[in-house]
Amino acid sequence: MRKQILLVAAVSAVAGMGCGTRHGKWESDHAAAARKLEVQVDRNGRHTEVEYHIAPGEVPGPVRAAMDQLHPGGPYEDAEREWDGGKLYYELARRVGGMEVEAMFSPDGQLHSEEIQVPMNKVPESVRTAALSSLSGAQATMWEEIRNSKREVVEYHVKMGRGTDKYKVMVSMDGKLKGIVREVPAEIEVPVSGQ
């Protein structure tokens, strides 16, 4: 069985990534059942994170309740099951006021982090300058605040495109470039029977 995935290849090192999988191994049962997979690798080719896209109904009730309280709105657009730093988290995404909001929670509904789309004019000038000068010929397609569990903005992610290539640019609060990753379409085969 073949699943389309999105393999995120590191163009520059990204600090602070967890192992991404349970005990350093992919969860093949979850991978086979996933709607889509996202894998992030470091410069040495090691995977640092694996995200299994799942149906929102598969997310634990306390996570859905926490999301509904934090970001009430329309239907969920996406859900993920992922490992970060050896810990299991669930992420839910929806649009609120026309903007994409993603929040990651522990299985008991405790907030871990948020990615909140914001208009470009709400992003500090130093961050805009760093992002827009990071990739020659690229255009910004989305600006996101990255917030910690206390809901404090800790950095910005900027989704950018150049031709058919897609990138994510990570910029610190003071406008320093933290890293760039390129999203690479890929294919992975996940066993569903046999050896």
Protein backbone atom coordinates (compact mmCIF):
# COMPACT_ATOMS: atom_id res chain seq x y z
CA MET A 1 0.00 0.00 0.00
CA ARG A 2 1.39 3.37 -0.93
CA LYS A 3 0.64 6.56 0.92
CA GLN A 4 1.50 10.01 -0.26
CA ILE A 5 3.40 11.91 2.38
CA LEU A 6 4.98 15.26 2.75
CA LEU A 7 8.65 14.89 3.54
CA VAL A 8 10.08 18.02 5.03
CA ALA A 9 13.79 18.12 4.19
CA ALA A 10 15.90 20.37 6.34
CA VAL A 11 17.54 23.14 4.37
CA SER A 12 19.07 24.41 7.60
CA ALA A 13 19.30 22.85 11.02
CA VAL A 14 16.30 23.35 13.27
CA ALA A 15 17.06 23.31 16.98
CA GLY A 16 14.94 21.74 19.67
CA MET A 17 13.29 18.88 17.74
CA GLY A 18 12.15 15.78 19.59
CA CYS A 19 12.58 12.23 18.39
CA GLY A 20 9.25 12.33 16.55
CA THR A 21 8.47 8.68 16.98
CA ARG A 22 7.84 6.35 19.84
CA HIS A 23 11.09 4.73 20.97
CA GLY A 24 12.78 5.87 17.74
CA LYS A 25 10.55 3.71 15.52
CA TRP A 26 7.70 4.64 13.24
CA GLU A 27 4.30 3.39 14.34
CA SER A 28 3.46 1.33 11.26
CA ASP A 29 -0.14 0.63 12.35
CA HIS A 30 -0.78 4.37 12.66
CA ALA A 31 1.11 5.06 9.44
CA ALA A 32 -1.00 2.53 7.52
CA ALA A 33 -4.21 4.10 8.86
CA ALA A 34 -3.11 7.73 8.40
CA ARG A 35 -4.69 9.98 5.79
CA LYS A 36 -1.29 11.58 5.20
CA LEU A 37 2.12 11.54 6.88
CA GLU A 38 4.58 14.36 7.43
CA VAL A 39 8.19 13.58 8.24
CA GLN A 40 10.86 16.05 9.22
CA VAL A 41 14.53 15.17 8.86
CA ASP A 42 17.68 16.89 10.04
CA ARG A 43 20.82 17.64 8.03
CA ASN A 44 22.15 14.15 8.84
CA GLY A 45 19.07 12.47 7.35
CA ARG A 46 17.63 11.37 10.72
CA HIS A 47 13.90 11.83 11.12
CA THR A 48 13.13 14.19 13.96
CA GLU A 49 9.35 14.22 13.80
CA VAL A 50 6.55 12.15 12.30
CA GLU A 51 3.00 13.46 12.11
CA TYR A 52 0.11 11.09 11.35
CA HIS A 53 -2.90 12.90 9.89
CA ILE A 54 -6.07 11.37 11.30
CA ALA A 55 -9.79 12.05 11.34
CA PRO A 56 -10.76 14.69 13.94
CA GLY A 57 -13.07 12.13 15.58
CA GLU A 58 -9.99 10.03 16.46
CA VAL A 59 -8.64 12.81 18.67
CA PRO A 60 -9.37 12.25 22.40
CA GLY A 61 -12.40 14.07 23.82
CA PRO A 62 -10.37 16.22 26.27
CA VAL A 63 -8.31 17.56 23.34
CA ARG A 64 -11.40 18.46 21.30
CA ALA A 65 -12.96 20.11 24.37
CA ALA A 66 -9.81 22.15 25.02
CA MET A 67 -9.65 23.29 21.39
CA ASP A 68 -13.34 24.24 21.41
CA GLN A 69 -12.81 26.32 24.54
CA LEU A 70 -9.60 27.96 23.32
CA HIS A 71 -10.61 28.51 19.68
CA PRO A 72 -14.38 28.10 19.20
CA GLY A 73 -15.45 28.13 15.60
CA GLY A 74 -16.37 26.03 12.61
CA PRO A 75 -15.54 22.44 11.85
CA TYR A 76 -12.08 20.97 12.27
CA GLU A 77 -10.12 21.05 9.02
CA ASP A 78 -7.36 18.66 10.07
CA ALA A 79 -6.11 16.54 12.95
CA GLU A 80 -2.73 14.96 13.69
CA ARG A 81 -1.22 12.47 16.09
CA GLU A 82 2.46 13.15 16.65
CA TRP A 83 5.40 12.52 18.92
CA ASP A 84 7.55 15.44 20.08
CA GLY A 85 10.46 14.89 22.45
CA GLY A 86 9.23 11.36 23.12
CA LYS A 87 5.77 12.58 24.19
CA LEU A 88 2.47 12.00 22.41
CA TYR A 89 0.46 15.02 21.28
CA TYR A 90 -2.63 15.69 19.21
CA GLU A 91 -3.11 18.70 16.97
CA LEU A 92 -6.37 20.15 15.70
CA ALA A 93 -6.81 22.81 13.01
CA ARG A 94 -9.75 25.03 12.09
CA ARG A 95 -10.45 28.48 10.68
CA VAL A 96 -11.38 31.22 13.11
CA GLY A 97 -12.28 34.62 11.69
CA GLY A 98 -10.95 33.52 8.30
CA MET A 99 -7.52 32.65 9.72
CA GLU A 100 -6.03 29.17 10.15
CA VAL A 101 -5.47 28.14 13.77
CA GLU A 102 -3.63 24.98 14.84
CA ALA A 103 -3.19 23.94 18.45
CA MET A 104 -1.28 20.97 19.87
CA PHE A 105 -2.32 19.32 23.13
CA SER A 106 -1.32 16.42 25.35
CA PRO A 107 -3.91 13.59 25.36
CA ASP A 108 -5.50 15.05 28.53
CA GLY A 109 -6.13 18.43 26.84
CA GLN A 110 -3.18 20.45 28.18
CA LEU A 111 -1.99 23.03 25.65
CA HIS A 112 1.52 22.45 24.25
CA SER A 113 1.73 25.06 21.46
CA GLU A 114 -0.21 27.00 18.83
CA GLU A 115 0.33 28.13 15.24
CA ILE A 116 -1.92 31.07 14.47
CA GLN A 117 -2.17 32.69 11.05
CA VAL A 118 -1.87 36.47 11.19
CA PRO A 119 -1.94 39.22 8.55
CA MET A 120 1.49 40.42 7.43
CA ASN A 121 0.93 43.87 8.95
CA LYS A 122 0.72 42.26 12.43
CA VAL A 123 4.24 40.79 12.06
CA PRO A 124 7.20 42.87 13.36
CA GLU A 125 9.16 44.65 10.63
CA SER A 126 12.41 42.84 11.55
CA VAL A 127 10.68 39.46 11.12
CA ARG A 128 9.17 40.48 7.77
CA THR A 129 12.53 41.71 6.51
CA ALA A 130 14.37 38.53 7.57
CA ALA A 131 11.75 36.23 6.04
CA LEU A 132 11.32 38.10 2.76
CA SER A 133 15.09 38.35 2.18
CA SER A 134 15.78 34.69 3.06
CA LEU A 135 14.80 33.12 -0.29
CA SER A 136 15.51 35.00 -3.49
CA GLY A 137 12.46 35.15 -5.76
CA ALA A 138 10.11 33.55 -3.19
CA GLN A 139 6.72 35.00 -2.22
CA ALA A 140 5.19 34.80 1.26
CA THR A 141 1.87 32.92 1.25
CA MET A 142 1.13 32.75 5.01
CA TRP A 143 2.42 34.33 8.22
CA GLU A 144 2.08 32.43 11.53
CA GLU A 145 2.71 33.27 15.16
CA ILE A 146 4.14 30.32 17.06
CA ARG A 147 3.01 30.35 20.67
CA ASN A 148 4.13 28.27 23.64
CA SER A 149 1.94 26.59 26.28
CA LYS A 150 1.54 29.97 28.03
CA ARG A 151 0.22 31.40 24.72
CA GLU A 152 3.24 33.71 24.40
CA VAL A 153 4.55 34.36 20.88
CA VAL A 154 8.01 32.75 20.72
CA GLU A 155 8.76 32.88 16.97
CA TYR A 156 7.23 33.26 13.52
CA HIS A 157 6.85 30.79 10.66
CA VAL A 158 6.40 32.10 7.15
CA LYS A 159 5.15 29.82 4.39
CA MET A 160 6.72 30.80 1.09
CA GLY A 161 6.59 29.66 -2.50
CA ARG A 162 9.03 29.92 -5.39
CA GLY A 163 7.75 28.38 -8.60
CA THR A 164 6.34 24.99 -7.58
CA ASP A 165 8.58 24.73 -4.50
CA LYS A 166 7.15 25.33 -1.01
CA TYR A 167 9.17 26.42 2.00
CA LYS A 168 8.73 27.24 5.68
CA VAL A 169 10.97 30.00 7.04
CA MET A 170 11.45 30.20 10.82
CA VAL A 171 12.34 33.58 12.31
CA SER A 172 13.00 34.53 15.94
CA MET A 173 11.16 37.34 17.69
CA ASP A 174 14.14 39.67 17.12
CA GLY A 175 14.24 39.03 13.38
CA LYS A 176 17.02 36.43 13.23
CA LEU A 177 16.65 33.60 10.71
CA LYS A 178 16.38 30.29 12.63
CA GLY A 179 16.03 27.97 9.65
CA ILE A 180 14.39 27.12 6.36
CA VAL A 181 12.80 23.83 5.37
CA ARG A 182 11.59 22.80 1.94
CA GLU A 183 8.48 20.65 1.62
CA VAL A 184 9.24 17.73 -0.69
CA PRO A 185 6.46 15.52 -2.10
CA ALA A 186 7.40 11.90 -1.50
CA GLU A 187 6.05 8.39 -1.34
CA ILE A 188 6.42 5.81 1.39
CA GLU A 189 5.29 2.21 1.48
CA VAL A 190 3.75 1.05 4.73
CA PRO A 191 3.19 -2.70 5.32
CA VAL A 192 -0.41 -3.68 5.92
CA SER A 193 0.09 -7.46 5.71
CA GLY A 194 2.90 -9.96 5.39
CA GLN A 195 6.35 -9.34 6.78
